[in-house]
C-alpha atoms as a PDB file:
ATOM      1  CA  MET A   1     -24.423   2.784  19.223  1.00  0.00           C
ATOM      2  CA  SER A   2     -28.199   2.542  18.921  1.00  0.00           C
ATOM      3  CA  PRO A   3     -29.958  -0.776  19.702  1.00  0.00           C
ATOM      4  CA  LYS A   4     -31.109  -1.088  16.067  1.00  0.00           C
ATOM      5  CA  ILE A   5     -27.582  -0.869  14.721  1.00  0.00           C
ATOM      6  CA  PHE A   6     -26.304  -3.285  17.388  1.00  0.00           C
ATOM      7  CA  ILE A   7     -29.012  -5.827  16.494  1.00  0.00           C
ATOM      8  CA  PHE A   8     -28.264  -5.367  12.790  1.00  0.00           C
ATOM      9  CA  ILE A   9     -24.528  -6.009  13.290  1.00  0.00           C
ATOM     10  CA  LEU A  10     -25.294  -9.049  15.451  1.00  0.00           C
ATOM     11  CA  GLN A  11     -27.617 -10.439  12.769  1.00  0.00           C
ATOM     12  CA  ARG A  12     -24.977  -9.954  10.108  1.00  0.00           C
ATOM     13  CA  ILE A  13     -22.359 -11.739  12.231  1.00  0.00           C
ATOM     14  CA  ILE A  14     -24.707 -14.665  12.859  1.00  0.00           C
ATOM     15  CA  ALA A  15     -25.560 -14.834   9.150  1.00  0.00           C
ATOM     16  CA  ALA A  16     -21.834 -14.964   8.337  1.00  0.00           C
ATOM     17  CA  ILE A  17     -21.242 -18.108  10.403  1.00  0.00           C
ATOM     18  CA  PRO A  18     -22.738 -20.550   7.829  1.00  0.00           C
ATOM     19  CA  ILE A  19     -20.737 -18.791   5.103  1.00  0.00           C
ATOM     20  CA  LEU A  20     -17.508 -19.265   7.027  1.00  0.00           C
ATOM     21  CA  LEU A  21     -18.378 -22.921   7.710  1.00  0.00           C
ATOM     22  CA  GLY A  22     -18.941 -23.389   3.989  1.00  0.00           C
ATOM     23  CA  VAL A  23     -15.559 -21.789   3.278  1.00  0.00           C
ATOM     24  CA  VAL A  24     -13.928 -24.198   5.745  1.00  0.00           C
ATOM     25  CA  LEU A  25     -15.550 -27.240   4.145  1.00  0.00           C
ATOM     26  CA  VAL A  26     -14.876 -26.210   0.543  1.00  0.00           C
ATOM     27  CA  THR A  27     -11.278 -25.307   1.373  1.00  0.00           C
ATOM     28  CA  PHE A  28     -10.679 -28.647   3.046  1.00  0.00           C
ATOM     29  CA  VAL A  29     -12.113 -30.637   0.128  1.00  0.00           C
ATOM     30  CA  LEU A  30     -10.468 -28.618  -2.656  1.00  0.00           C
ATOM     31  CA  VAL A  31      -7.036 -28.713  -1.059  1.00  0.00           C
ATOM     32  CA  ARG A  32      -7.259 -32.485  -0.584  1.00  0.00           C
ATOM     33  CA  ILE A  33      -8.034 -33.119  -4.241  1.00  0.00           C
ATOM     34  CA  LEU A  34      -5.053 -31.102  -5.466  1.00  0.00           C
ATOM     35  CA  PRO A  35      -2.430 -33.263  -7.214  1.00  0.00           C
ATOM     36  CA  GLY A  36       0.677 -34.127  -5.239  1.00  0.00           C
ATOM     37  CA  ASP A  37       1.507 -35.533  -1.830  1.00  0.00           C
ATOM     38  CA  PRO A  38       3.236 -33.128   0.586  1.00  0.00           C
ATOM     39  CA  ALA A  39       4.797 -35.971   2.549  1.00  0.00           C
ATOM     40  CA  THR A  40       6.380 -37.415  -0.580  1.00  0.00           C
ATOM     41  CA  PHE A  41       7.489 -33.981  -1.796  1.00  0.00           C
ATOM     42  CA  PHE A  42       9.262 -33.000   1.408  1.00  0.00           C
ATOM     43  CA  ALA A  43      10.705 -36.430   1.968  1.00  0.00           C
ATOM     44  CA  ASN A  44      12.167 -36.454  -1.554  1.00  0.00           C
ATOM     45  CA  ALA A  45      15.691 -35.745  -0.412  1.00  0.00           C
ATOM     46  CA  PRO A  46      18.920 -37.755  -0.018  1.00  0.00           C
ATOM     47  CA  GLY A  47      18.668 -40.205   2.853  1.00  0.00           C
ATOM     48  CA  MET A  48      14.850 -40.113   2.970  1.00  0.00           C
ATOM     49  CA  GLY A  49      12.945 -43.359   2.600  1.00  0.00           C
ATOM     50  CA  PRO A  50       9.496 -44.880   3.142  1.00  0.00           C
ATOM     51  CA  GLU A  51       9.873 -44.581   6.926  1.00  0.00           C
ATOM     52  CA  GLU A  52      10.471 -40.840   6.713  1.00  0.00           C
ATOM     53  CA  ILE A  53       7.505 -40.407   4.352  1.00  0.00           C
ATOM     54  CA  ALA A  54       5.261 -42.343   6.734  1.00  0.00           C
ATOM     55  CA  GLU A  55       6.473 -40.225   9.669  1.00  0.00           C
ATOM     56  CA  ILE A  56       5.715 -36.969   7.833  1.00  0.00           C
ATOM     57  CA  SER A  57       2.271 -38.317   6.904  1.00  0.00           C
ATOM     58  CA  ARG A  58       1.569 -39.103  10.567  1.00  0.00           C
ATOM     59  CA  GLU A  59       2.683 -35.624  11.620  1.00  0.00           C
ATOM     60  CA  LEU A  60       0.378 -34.054   9.034  1.00  0.00           C
ATOM     61  CA  GLY A  61      -2.483 -36.390   9.870  1.00  0.00           C
ATOM     62  CA  LEU A  62      -2.616 -37.603   6.263  1.00  0.00           C
ATOM     63  CA  ASN A  63      -2.729 -41.230   7.379  1.00  0.00           C
ATOM     64  CA  LYS A  64      -6.224 -40.695   8.845  1.00  0.00           C
ATOM     65  CA  SER A  65      -9.526 -40.844   6.999  1.00  0.00           C
ATOM     66  CA  LEU A  66     -10.958 -37.667   5.458  1.00  0.00           C
ATOM     67  CA  PRO A  67     -13.735 -37.306   8.078  1.00  0.00           C
ATOM     68  CA  GLU A  68     -11.122 -37.594  10.851  1.00  0.00           C
ATOM     69  CA  GLN A  69      -8.906 -35.030   9.098  1.00  0.00           C
ATOM     70  CA  LEU A  70     -11.887 -32.663   8.785  1.00  0.00           C
ATOM     71  CA  ILE A  71     -12.724 -32.953  12.490  1.00  0.00           C
ATOM     72  CA  ILE A  72      -9.103 -32.284  13.427  1.00  0.00           C
ATOM     73  CA  PHE A  73      -8.958 -29.385  10.989  1.00  0.00           C
ATOM     74  CA  VAL A  74     -12.091 -27.704  12.381  1.00  0.00           C
ATOM     75  CA  SER A  75     -11.037 -28.224  15.996  1.00  0.00           C
ATOM     76  CA  ASN A  76      -7.630 -26.695  15.255  1.00  0.00           C
ATOM     77  CA  ILE A  77      -9.290 -23.672  13.661  1.00  0.00           C
ATOM     78  CA  LEU A  78     -11.457 -23.174  16.749  1.00  0.00           C
ATOM     79  CA  ASP A  79      -8.260 -23.264  18.815  1.00  0.00           C
ATOM     80  CA  GLY A  80      -6.650 -20.673  16.550  1.00  0.00           C
ATOM     81  CA  ASN A  81      -4.247 -23.231  15.132  1.00  0.00           C
ATOM     82  CA  LEU A  82      -3.971 -23.226  11.340  1.00  0.00           C
ATOM     83  CA  GLY A  83      -1.136 -25.714  11.311  1.00  0.00           C
ATOM     84  CA  LYS A  84       2.524 -25.361  10.431  1.00  0.00           C
ATOM     85  CA  SER A  85       3.969 -24.632   7.034  1.00  0.00           C
ATOM     86  CA  LEU A  86       6.352 -27.306   5.841  1.00  0.00           C
ATOM     87  CA  ALA A  87       8.092 -24.787   3.591  1.00  0.00           C
ATOM     88  CA  THR A  88       8.883 -22.171   6.264  1.00  0.00           C
ATOM     89  CA  GLY A  89       8.753 -24.337   9.373  1.00  0.00           C
ATOM     90  CA  GLN A  90       6.636 -21.693  11.129  1.00  0.00           C
ATOM     91  CA  PRO A  91       2.986 -21.681  12.245  1.00  0.00           C
ATOM     92  CA  VAL A  92       0.714 -20.505   9.438  1.00  0.00           C
ATOM     93  CA  THR A  93      -0.856 -17.873  11.697  1.00  0.00           C
ATOM     94  CA  GLN A  94       2.590 -16.354  12.237  1.00  0.00           C
ATOM     95  CA  ASP A  95       3.394 -16.429   8.516  1.00  0.00           C
ATOM     96  CA  LEU A  96       0.070 -14.791   7.608  1.00  0.00           C
ATOM     97  CA  ALA A  97       0.503 -12.116  10.290  1.00  0.00           C
ATOM     98  CA  GLU A  98       3.948 -11.286   8.887  1.00  0.00           C
ATOM     99  CA  LYS A  99       2.893 -11.223   5.227  1.00  0.00           C
ATOM    100  CA  LEU A 100      -0.606  -9.725   5.413  1.00  0.00           C
ATOM    101  CA  PRO A 101       0.624  -6.126   5.985  1.00  0.00           C
ATOM    102  CA  ALA A 102       2.603  -6.285   2.721  1.00  0.00           C
ATOM    103  CA  SER A 103      -0.451  -7.334   0.708  1.00  0.00           C
ATOM    104  CA  ALA A 104      -2.733  -4.945   2.579  1.00  0.00           C
ATOM    105  CA  GLU A 105      -0.423  -1.971   1.985  1.00  0.00           C
ATOM    106  CA  LEU A 106      -0.148  -2.832  -1.707  1.00  0.00           C
ATOM    107  CA  SER A 107      -3.919  -3.265  -2.098  1.00  0.00           C
ATOM    108  CA  ILE A 108      -4.847  -0.118  -0.173  1.00  0.00           C
ATOM    109  CA  VAL A 109      -2.429   2.111  -2.099  1.00  0.00           C
ATOM    110  CA  ALA A 110      -3.580   0.550  -5.396  1.00  0.00           C
ATOM    111  CA  LEU A 111      -7.219   1.155  -4.440  1.00  0.00           C
ATOM    112  CA  ILE A 112      -6.440   4.792  -3.622  1.00  0.00           C
ATOM    113  CA  PHE A 113      -4.753   5.186  -7.014  1.00  0.00           C
ATOM    114  CA  ALA A 114      -7.764   3.614  -8.725  1.00  0.00           C
ATOM    115  CA  LEU A 115     -10.315   5.744  -6.867  1.00  0.00           C
ATOM    116  CA  LEU A 116      -8.431   8.961  -7.608  1.00  0.00           C
ATOM    117  CA  VAL A 117      -8.714   8.155 -11.312  1.00  0.00           C
ATOM    118  CA  SER A 118     -11.945   6.174 -11.696  1.00  0.00           C
ATOM    119  CA  ILE A 119     -14.384   8.306  -9.694  1.00  0.00           C
ATOM    120  CA  PRO A 120     -13.548  11.622 -11.441  1.00  0.00           C
ATOM    121  CA  LEU A 121     -13.558   9.838 -14.819  1.00  0.00           C
ATOM    122  CA  GLY A 122     -16.883   8.170 -14.076  1.00  0.00           C
ATOM    123  CA  VAL A 123     -18.483  11.446 -12.989  1.00  0.00           C
ATOM    124  CA  ILE A 124     -17.106  13.357 -15.990  1.00  0.00           C
ATOM    125  CA  SER A 125     -18.244  10.585 -18.337  1.00  0.00           C
ATOM    126  CA  ALA A 126     -21.773  10.594 -16.901  1.00  0.00           C
ATOM    127  CA  VAL A 127     -22.085  14.378 -16.963  1.00  0.00           C
ATOM    128  CA  ASN A 128     -20.942  14.385 -20.622  1.00  0.00           C
ATOM    129  CA  ALA A 129     -22.806  11.237 -21.676  1.00  0.00           C
ATOM    130  CA  GLY A 130     -22.595  10.558 -25.398  1.00  0.00           C
ATOM    131  CA  SER A 131     -19.803  13.059 -25.994  1.00  0.00           C
ATOM    132  CA  THR A 132     -16.260  12.498 -27.194  1.00  0.00           C
ATOM    133  CA  ILE A 133     -15.070  12.645 -23.576  1.00  0.00           C
ATOM    134  CA  ASP A 134     -17.516   9.900 -22.634  1.00  0.00           C
ATOM    135  CA  HIS A 135     -16.334   7.638 -25.451  1.00  0.00           C
ATOM    136  CA  ALA A 136     -12.674   8.294 -24.560  1.00  0.00           C
ATOM    137  CA  VAL A 137     -13.257   7.373 -20.909  1.00  0.00           C
ATOM    138  CA  ARG A 138     -15.087   4.185 -21.857  1.00  0.00           C
ATOM    139  CA  PHE A 139     -12.309   3.253 -24.296  1.00  0.00           C
ATOM    140  CA  PHE A 140      -9.668   3.803 -21.606  1.00  0.00           C
ATOM    141  CA  SER A 141     -11.643   1.646 -19.155  1.00  0.00           C
ATOM    142  CA  THR A 142     -11.888  -1.160 -21.701  1.00  0.00           C
ATOM    143  CA  ILE A 143      -8.160  -1.060 -22.443  1.00  0.00           C
ATOM    144  CA  SER A 144      -7.214  -1.061 -18.747  1.00  0.00           C
ATOM    145  CA  ALA A 145      -9.390  -4.120 -18.102  1.00  0.00           C
ATOM    146  CA  ALA A 146      -8.281  -5.996 -21.214  1.00  0.00           C
ATOM    147  CA  MET A 147      -4.616  -6.342 -20.224  1.00  0.00           C
ATOM    148  CA  PRO A 148      -3.834  -9.014 -17.602  1.00  0.00           C
ATOM    149  CA  PRO A 149      -2.112  -7.557 -14.512  1.00  0.00           C
ATOM    150  CA  PHE A 150       1.109  -9.514 -14.990  1.00  0.00           C
ATOM    151  CA  VAL A 151       1.406  -8.235 -18.579  1.00  0.00           C
ATOM    152  CA  THR A 152       0.779  -4.668 -17.416  1.00  0.00           C
ATOM    153  CA  GLY A 153       3.378  -5.132 -14.698  1.00  0.00           C
ATOM    154  CA  LEU A 154       6.010  -6.362 -17.118  1.00  0.00           C
ATOM    155  CA  VAL A 155       5.314  -3.495 -19.536  1.00  0.00           C
ATOM    156  CA  LEU A 156       5.506  -0.895 -16.756  1.00  0.00           C
ATOM    157  CA  MET A 157       8.673  -2.486 -15.439  1.00  0.00           C
ATOM    158  CA  LEU A 158      10.238  -2.366 -18.899  1.00  0.00           C
ATOM    159  CA  LEU A 159       9.267   1.281 -19.318  1.00  0.00           C
ATOM    160  CA  PHE A 160       9.849   2.853 -15.899  1.00  0.00           C
ATOM    161  CA  PHE A 161      12.737   0.694 -14.651  1.00  0.00           C
ATOM    162  CA  TYR A 162      14.637  -0.582 -17.687  1.00  0.00           C
ATOM    163  CA  GLN A 163      14.099   2.240 -20.206  1.00  0.00           C
ATOM    164  CA  LEU A 164      13.668   5.380 -18.056  1.00  0.00           C
ATOM    165  CA  GLY A 165      15.286   4.305 -14.788  1.00  0.00           C
ATOM    166  CA  TRP A 166      12.716   6.241 -12.735  1.00  0.00           C
ATOM    167  CA  VAL A 167      12.018   3.461 -10.228  1.00  0.00           C
ATOM    168  CA  PRO A 168      14.346   1.043  -8.427  1.00  0.00           C
ATOM    169  CA  GLU A 169      14.755  -2.612  -9.254  1.00  0.00           C
ATOM    170  CA  PRO A 170      11.665  -4.592  -8.149  1.00  0.00           C
ATOM    171  CA  ILE A 171      13.288  -6.709  -5.445  1.00  0.00           C
ATOM    172  CA  GLY A 172      10.803  -6.375  -2.592  1.00  0.00           C
ATOM    173  CA  ARG A 173       9.317  -3.738  -0.326  1.00  0.00           C
ATOM    174  CA  ILE A 174      12.417  -1.656   0.434  1.00  0.00           C
ATOM    175  CA  ASP A 175      16.101  -1.320  -0.447  1.00  0.00           C
ATOM    176  CA  ILE A 176      17.902  -4.224   1.216  1.00  0.00           C
ATOM    177  CA  PHE A 177      20.807  -1.951   2.168  1.00  0.00           C
ATOM    178  CA  LEU A 178      18.528   0.341   4.189  1.00  0.00           C
ATOM    179  CA  GLY A 179      16.824  -2.388   6.158  1.00  0.00           C
ATOM    180  CA  GLU A 180      13.225  -2.521   7.297  1.00  0.00           C
ATOM    181  CA  PRO A 181      11.755   0.295   9.413  1.00  0.00           C
ATOM    182  CA  THR A 182      10.992  -0.445  13.043  1.00  0.00           C
ATOM    183  CA  PRO A 183       7.817  -2.567  12.873  1.00  0.00           C
ATOM    184  CA  VAL A 184       4.773  -0.835  14.327  1.00  0.00           C
ATOM    185  CA  THR A 185       1.927  -1.316  11.843  1.00  0.00           C
ATOM    186  CA  GLY A 186       3.677  -3.515   9.288  1.00  0.00           C
ATOM    187  CA  PHE A 187       3.020  -0.848   6.640  1.00  0.00           C
ATOM    188  CA  TYR A 188       6.446   0.381   5.567  1.00  0.00           C
ATOM    189  CA  LEU A 189       5.159   3.822   4.549  1.00  0.00           C
ATOM    190  CA  ILE A 190       3.580   4.436   7.947  1.00  0.00           C
ATOM    191  CA  ASP A 191       6.413   2.818   9.911  1.00  0.00           C
ATOM    192  CA  SER A 192       8.987   4.934   8.051  1.00  0.00           C
ATOM    193  CA  LEU A 193       7.013   8.068   8.928  1.00  0.00           C
ATOM    194  CA  ILE A 194       6.826   7.020  12.571  1.00  0.00           C
ATOM    195  CA  GLU A 195      10.558   6.316  12.580  1.00  0.00           C
ATOM    196  CA  GLY A 196      11.193   9.674  10.903  1.00  0.00           C
ATOM    197  CA  ASP A 197      13.478   8.162   8.274  1.00  0.00           C
ATOM    198  CA  SER A 198      12.851   9.973   4.990  1.00  0.00           C
ATOM    199  CA  GLU A 199      15.285   7.746   3.083  1.00  0.00           C
ATOM    200  CA  LYS A 200      13.384   4.605   4.032  1.00  0.00           C
ATOM    201  CA  LEU A 201      10.092   6.340   3.270  1.00  0.00           C
ATOM    202  CA  TYR A 202      11.275   7.267  -0.229  1.00  0.00           C
ATOM    203  CA  SER A 203      12.623   3.760  -0.838  1.00  0.00           C
ATOM    204  CA  ALA A 204       9.393   2.104   0.337  1.00  0.00           C
ATOM    205  CA  ALA A 205       7.277   4.455  -1.798  1.00  0.00           C
ATOM    206  CA  SER A 206       9.492   3.867  -4.843  1.00  0.00           C
ATOM    207  CA  GLN A 207       9.242   0.097  -4.513  1.00  0.00           C
ATOM    208  CA  LEU A 208       5.482   0.296  -3.974  1.00  0.00           C
ATOM    209  CA  PHE A 209       4.701   2.570  -6.920  1.00  0.00           C
ATOM    210  CA  LEU A 210       4.859   0.125  -9.844  1.00  0.00           C
ATOM    211  CA  PRO A 211       3.008  -2.862  -8.311  1.00  0.00           C
ATOM    212  CA  ALA A 212       0.323  -0.531  -6.926  1.00  0.00           C
ATOM    213  CA  LEU A 213      -0.050   1.154 -10.319  1.00  0.00           C
ATOM    214  CA  THR A 214      -0.291  -2.259 -12.007  1.00  0.00           C
ATOM    215  CA  MET A 215      -3.129  -3.366  -9.740  1.00  0.00           C
ATOM    216  CA  ALA A 216      -4.851   0.029  -9.948  1.00  0.00           C
ATOM    217  CA  LEU A 217      -4.972  -0.040 -13.757  1.00  0.00           C
ATOM    218  CA  PHE A 218      -6.751  -3.391 -13.681  1.00  0.00           C
ATOM    219  CA  VAL A 219      -9.534  -2.289 -11.286  1.00  0.00           C
ATOM    220  CA  ILE A 220     -10.054   1.197 -12.727  1.00  0.00           C
ATOM    221  CA  ALA A 221     -12.464  -0.248 -15.317  1.00  0.00           C
ATOM    222  CA  PRO A 222     -15.151  -1.669 -12.975  1.00  0.00           C
ATOM    223  CA  LEU A 223     -14.985   1.356 -10.682  1.00  0.00           C
ATOM    224  CA  THR A 224     -15.255   3.819 -13.581  1.00  0.00           C
ATOM    225  CA  ARG A 225     -18.109   1.933 -15.211  1.00  0.00           C
ATOM    226  CA  MET A 226     -20.070   1.631 -11.969  1.00  0.00           C
ATOM    227  CA  THR A 227     -19.541   5.314 -11.161  1.00  0.00           C
ATOM    228  CA  ARG A 228     -20.733   6.293 -14.628  1.00  0.00           C
ATOM    229  CA  ALA A 229     -23.777   3.995 -14.580  1.00  0.00           C
ATOM    230  CA  SER A 230     -24.784   5.022 -11.059  1.00  0.00           C
ATOM    231  CA  MET A 231     -24.390   8.723 -11.815  1.00  0.00           C
ATOM    232  CA  LEU A 232     -26.427   8.392 -15.026  1.00  0.00           C
ATOM    233  CA  GLY A 233     -29.255   6.781 -13.076  1.00  0.00           C
ATOM    234  CA  VAL A 234     -29.275   9.551 -10.486  1.00  0.00           C
ATOM    235  CA  LEU A 235     -28.914  12.404 -13.006  1.00  0.00           C
ATOM    236  CA  GLY A 236     -32.147  11.284 -14.614  1.00  0.00           C
ATOM    237  CA  SER A 237     -34.075  11.564 -11.355  1.00  0.00           C
ATOM    238  CA  ASP A 238     -36.808  14.114 -10.689  1.00  0.00           C
ATOM    239  CA  PHE A 239     -34.984  15.777  -7.796  1.00  0.00           C
ATOM    240  CA  ILE A 240     -31.991  16.525 -10.057  1.00  0.00           C
ATOM    241  CA  ARG A 241     -34.272  18.138 -12.616  1.00  0.00           C
ATOM    242  CA  SER A 242     -35.832  20.159  -9.799  1.00  0.00           C
ATOM    243  CA  ALA A 243     -32.390  21.254  -8.597  1.00  0.00           C
ATOM    244  CA  ARG A 244     -31.530  22.436 -12.094  1.00  0.00           C
ATOM    245  CA  ALA A 245     -34.857  24.236 -12.397  1.00  0.00           C
ATOM    246  CA  VAL A 246     -34.259  26.302  -9.250  1.00  0.00           C
ATOM    247  CA  GLY A 247     -30.875  27.397 -10.574  1.00  0.00           C
ATOM    248  CA  LEU A 248     -28.436  25.512  -8.345  1.00  0.00           C
ATOM    249  CA  LYS A 249     -24.811  25.537  -9.439  1.00  0.00           C
ATOM    250  CA  PRO A 250     -23.680  22.508 -11.490  1.00  0.00           C
ATOM    251  CA  TYR A 251     -21.026  21.547  -8.916  1.00  0.00           C
ATOM    252  CA  THR A 252     -23.655  21.516  -6.152  1.00  0.00           C
ATOM    253  CA  ILE A 253     -26.006  19.416  -8.269  1.00  0.00           C
ATOM    254  CA  TYR A 254     -23.399  16.887  -9.341  1.00  0.00           C
ATOM    255  CA  MET A 255     -21.338  16.469  -6.161  1.00  0.00           C
ATOM    256  CA  THR A 256     -23.681  17.361  -3.292  1.00  0.00           C
ATOM    257  CA  TYR A 257     -26.866  15.735  -4.574  1.00  0.00           C
ATOM    258  CA  ALA A 258     -26.104  13.344  -7.432  1.00  0.00           C
ATOM    259  CA  PHE A 259     -22.824  11.824  -6.294  1.00  0.00           C
ATOM    260  CA  ARG A 260     -23.969  11.139  -2.741  1.00  0.00           C
ATOM    261  CA  ASN A 261     -27.039   9.294  -4.000  1.00  0.00           C
ATOM    262  CA  ALA A 262     -24.867   7.368  -6.448  1.00  0.00           C
ATOM    263  CA  MET A 263     -22.448   6.195  -3.760  1.00  0.00           C
ATOM    264  CA  ILE A 264     -24.276   3.003  -2.706  1.00  0.00           C
ATOM    265  CA  PRO A 265     -23.449   0.862  -5.784  1.00  0.00           C
ATOM    266  CA  ILE A 266     -20.014   2.499  -6.001  1.00  0.00           C
ATOM    267  CA  LEU A 267     -19.299   1.518  -2.398  1.00  0.00           C
ATOM    268  CA  THR A 268     -20.435  -2.043  -3.073  1.00  0.00           C
ATOM    269  CA  THR A 269     -18.131  -2.301  -6.079  1.00  0.00           C
ATOM    270  CA  MET A 270     -15.310  -0.774  -4.056  1.00  0.00           C
ATOM    271  CA  GLY A 271     -15.628  -3.469  -1.391  1.00  0.00           C
ATOM    272  CA  MET A 272     -15.719  -6.259  -3.969  1.00  0.00           C
ATOM    273  CA  VAL A 273     -12.740  -4.813  -5.818  1.00  0.00           C
ATOM    274  CA  PHE A 274     -10.682  -4.484  -2.644  1.00  0.00           C
ATOM    275  CA  SER A 275     -11.444  -8.085  -1.642  1.00  0.00           C
ATOM    276  CA  PHE A 276     -10.377  -9.203  -5.116  1.00  0.00           C
ATOM    277  CA  MET A 277      -7.182  -7.144  -4.963  1.00  0.00           C
ATOM    278  CA  LEU A 278      -6.218  -8.513  -1.569  1.00  0.00           C
ATOM    279  CA  GLY A 279      -6.614 -12.141  -2.525  1.00  0.00           C
ATOM    280  CA  ALA A 280      -5.999 -12.229  -6.276  1.00  0.00           C
ATOM    281  CA  ASN A 281      -2.760 -10.261  -6.549  1.00  0.00           C
ATOM    282  CA  VAL A 282      -0.633 -13.415  -6.724  1.00  0.00           C
ATOM    283  CA  LEU A 283       0.806 -12.718 -10.175  1.00  0.00           C
ATOM    284  CA  VAL A 284       1.550  -9.082  -9.363  1.00  0.00           C
ATOM    285  CA  GLU A 285       3.378 -10.119  -6.208  1.00  0.00           C
ATOM    286  CA  LYS A 286       5.416 -12.691  -8.110  1.00  0.00           C
ATOM    287  CA  VAL A 287       6.328 -10.254 -10.905  1.00  0.00           C
ATOM    288  CA  PHE A 288       7.559  -7.624  -8.438  1.00  0.00           C
ATOM    289  CA  ALA A 289       8.981 -10.057  -5.823  1.00  0.00           C
ATOM    290  CA  TRP A 290       6.483  -8.678  -3.323  1.00  0.00           C
ATOM    291  CA  PRO A 291       6.490 -10.774  -0.101  1.00  0.00           C
ATOM    292  CA  GLY A 292       2.730 -10.878   0.477  1.00  0.00           C
ATOM    293  CA  ILE A 293       0.162 -13.541   1.259  1.00  0.00           C
ATOM    294  CA  GLY A 294      -0.479 -14.170  -2.436  1.00  0.00           C
ATOM    295  CA  SER A 295       3.101 -15.293  -3.007  1.00  0.00           C
ATOM    296  CA  TYR A 296       2.937 -17.278   0.228  1.00  0.00           C
ATOM    297  CA  ALA A 297      -0.191 -19.180  -0.896  1.00  0.00           C
ATOM    298  CA  LEU A 298       1.258 -19.795  -4.369  1.00  0.00           C
ATOM    299  CA  GLN A 299       4.417 -21.222  -2.850  1.00  0.00           C
ATOM    300  CA  GLY A 300       2.326 -23.559  -0.702  1.00  0.00           C
ATOM    301  CA  MET A 301       0.294 -24.690  -3.707  1.00  0.00           C
ATOM    302  CA  MET A 302       3.404 -25.447  -5.763  1.00  0.00           C
ATOM    303  CA  VAL A 303       4.782 -27.792  -3.086  1.00  0.00           C
ATOM    304  CA  SER A 304       1.406 -29.253  -1.990  1.00  0.00           C
ATOM    305  CA  ASP A 305       1.738 -27.629   1.421  1.00  0.00           C
ATOM    306  CA  TYR A 306      -1.840 -27.820   2.721  1.00  0.00           C
ATOM    307  CA  ALA A 307      -1.671 -25.569   5.767  1.00  0.00           C
ATOM    308  CA  PRO A 308      -0.686 -22.283   4.037  1.00  0.00           C
ATOM    309  CA  ILE A 309      -3.331 -22.751   1.314  1.00  0.00           C
ATOM    310  CA  GLN A 310      -6.050 -23.456   3.874  1.00  0.00           C
ATOM    311  CA  GLY A 311      -4.949 -20.537   6.026  1.00  0.00           C
ATOM    312  CA  PHE A 312      -4.916 -18.191   3.043  1.00  0.00           C
ATOM    313  CA  VAL A 313      -8.428 -19.145   1.896  1.00  0.00           C
ATOM    314  CA  LEU A 314      -9.835 -18.920   5.425  1.00  0.00           C
ATOM    315  CA  LEU A 315      -8.243 -15.506   5.911  1.00  0.00           C
ATOM    316  CA  MET A 316      -9.674 -14.244   2.626  1.00  0.00           C
ATOM    317  CA  GLY A 317     -13.103 -15.595   3.517  1.00  0.00           C
ATOM    318  CA  GLY A 318     -13.027 -13.883   6.896  1.00  0.00           C
ATOM    319  CA  LEU A 319     -11.854 -10.578   5.426  1.00  0.00           C
ATOM    320  CA  TYR A 320     -14.538 -10.723   2.751  1.00  0.00           C
ATOM    321  CA  VAL A 321     -17.276 -11.219   5.347  1.00  0.00           C
ATOM    322  CA  MET A 322     -15.859  -8.389   7.471  1.00  0.00           C
ATOM    323  CA  LEU A 323     -15.710  -6.022   4.495  1.00  0.00           C
ATOM    324  CA  ASN A 324     -19.325  -6.798   3.620  1.00  0.00           C
ATOM    325  CA  LEU A 325     -20.324  -6.024   7.203  1.00  0.00           C
ATOM    326  CA  ILE A 326     -18.487  -2.682   7.108  1.00  0.00           C
ATOM    327  CA  ILE A 327     -20.103  -1.804   3.778  1.00  0.00           C
ATOM    328  CA  ASP A 328     -23.578  -2.602   5.122  1.00  0.00           C
ATOM    329  CA  ILE A 329     -22.971  -0.260   8.061  1.00  0.00           C
ATOM    330  CA  LEU A 330     -21.701   2.493   5.754  1.00  0.00           C
ATOM    331  CA  TYR A 331     -24.877   2.225   3.699  1.00  0.00           C
ATOM    332  CA  GLY A 332     -26.876   3.712   6.540  1.00  0.00           C
ATOM    333  CA  LEU A 333     -24.363   6.532   7.015  1.00  0.00           C
ATOM    334  CA  ILE A 334     -24.391   7.499   3.339  1.00  0.00           C
ATOM    335  CA  ASP A 335     -28.133   7.174   2.727  1.00  0.00           C
ATOM    336  CA  PRO A 336     -30.377   8.003   5.724  1.00  0.00           C
ATOM    337  CA  ARG A 337     -33.314   6.421   3.899  1.00  0.00           C
ATOM    338  CA  ILE A 338     -31.837   2.993   4.570  1.00  0.00           C
ATOM    339  CA  GLN A 339     -33.432   1.809   7.791  1.00  0.00           C
ATOM    340  CA  VAL A 340     -31.576  -0.610  10.042  1.00  0.00           C
ATOM    341  CA  GLY A 341     -33.689  -2.999  11.995  1.00  0.00           C
END
């Protein structure tokens, strides 16, 4: 690694610290103003009384002032302690570590689906700007973005599971009678391959198909539109006209020269879309009974369980900053004109 790149990465990490501190503060305040009292909710059971509620409040630190709670919250984060979930009875860090692979696998496969469709469509639309193909691609992008993900999921479930019977019942990540593959990465597709169990691999892929397709259809629109707009901007450049004038093949012009120069805004959109998919797939996870961090955070919000909500938001904030750092580094690899330093 060159000194310039090292200094650049260090600067980006330092610049991310105030952002993360802002995420911590906003998360703390927003969670505290949510309606409901977790102590009252969890003490609302037979045999529970005011003493039990007061004891739960003391354990959660809710009997202290907000500044004292904030200091305790920040100090716990620095110690790697995100608290304990009242719903699961486990540390939040453990819950997030167990559920993050499910959401990550779903988001990554959905992003791959979306890229396989959106990038070719965006390139074809730009190359044939103003044609019937271009209008058809733009219409498809608009339709895919117009339907909410949970509606798309229900429609796909009705079609592929109920009507055609092509996919299994959406009851999780794998057939409960097969059991989970031996955990290595937490990604069932990869772990099934490592284990060499084709039956588990097929079951995991079958369960993953519909939720991944649902999420992919929703993000195809921004990726297709950005690919088209970026390609149109590059295709109008002087160096593309020069390449055409010297008689280069269309494939070489479009893919070797135009597409590479159009990749910067596409890569930016890709990073934003992936961050959105990872943190905003709550409804998709609930529709398909997918045990990811979105469902975990929603469960915590419904029962006023502070720790899981705070842990979820902090995790998403950290992942977003990390993705932006990776994208900034990739900029220099894609476009040598971008100087780091």
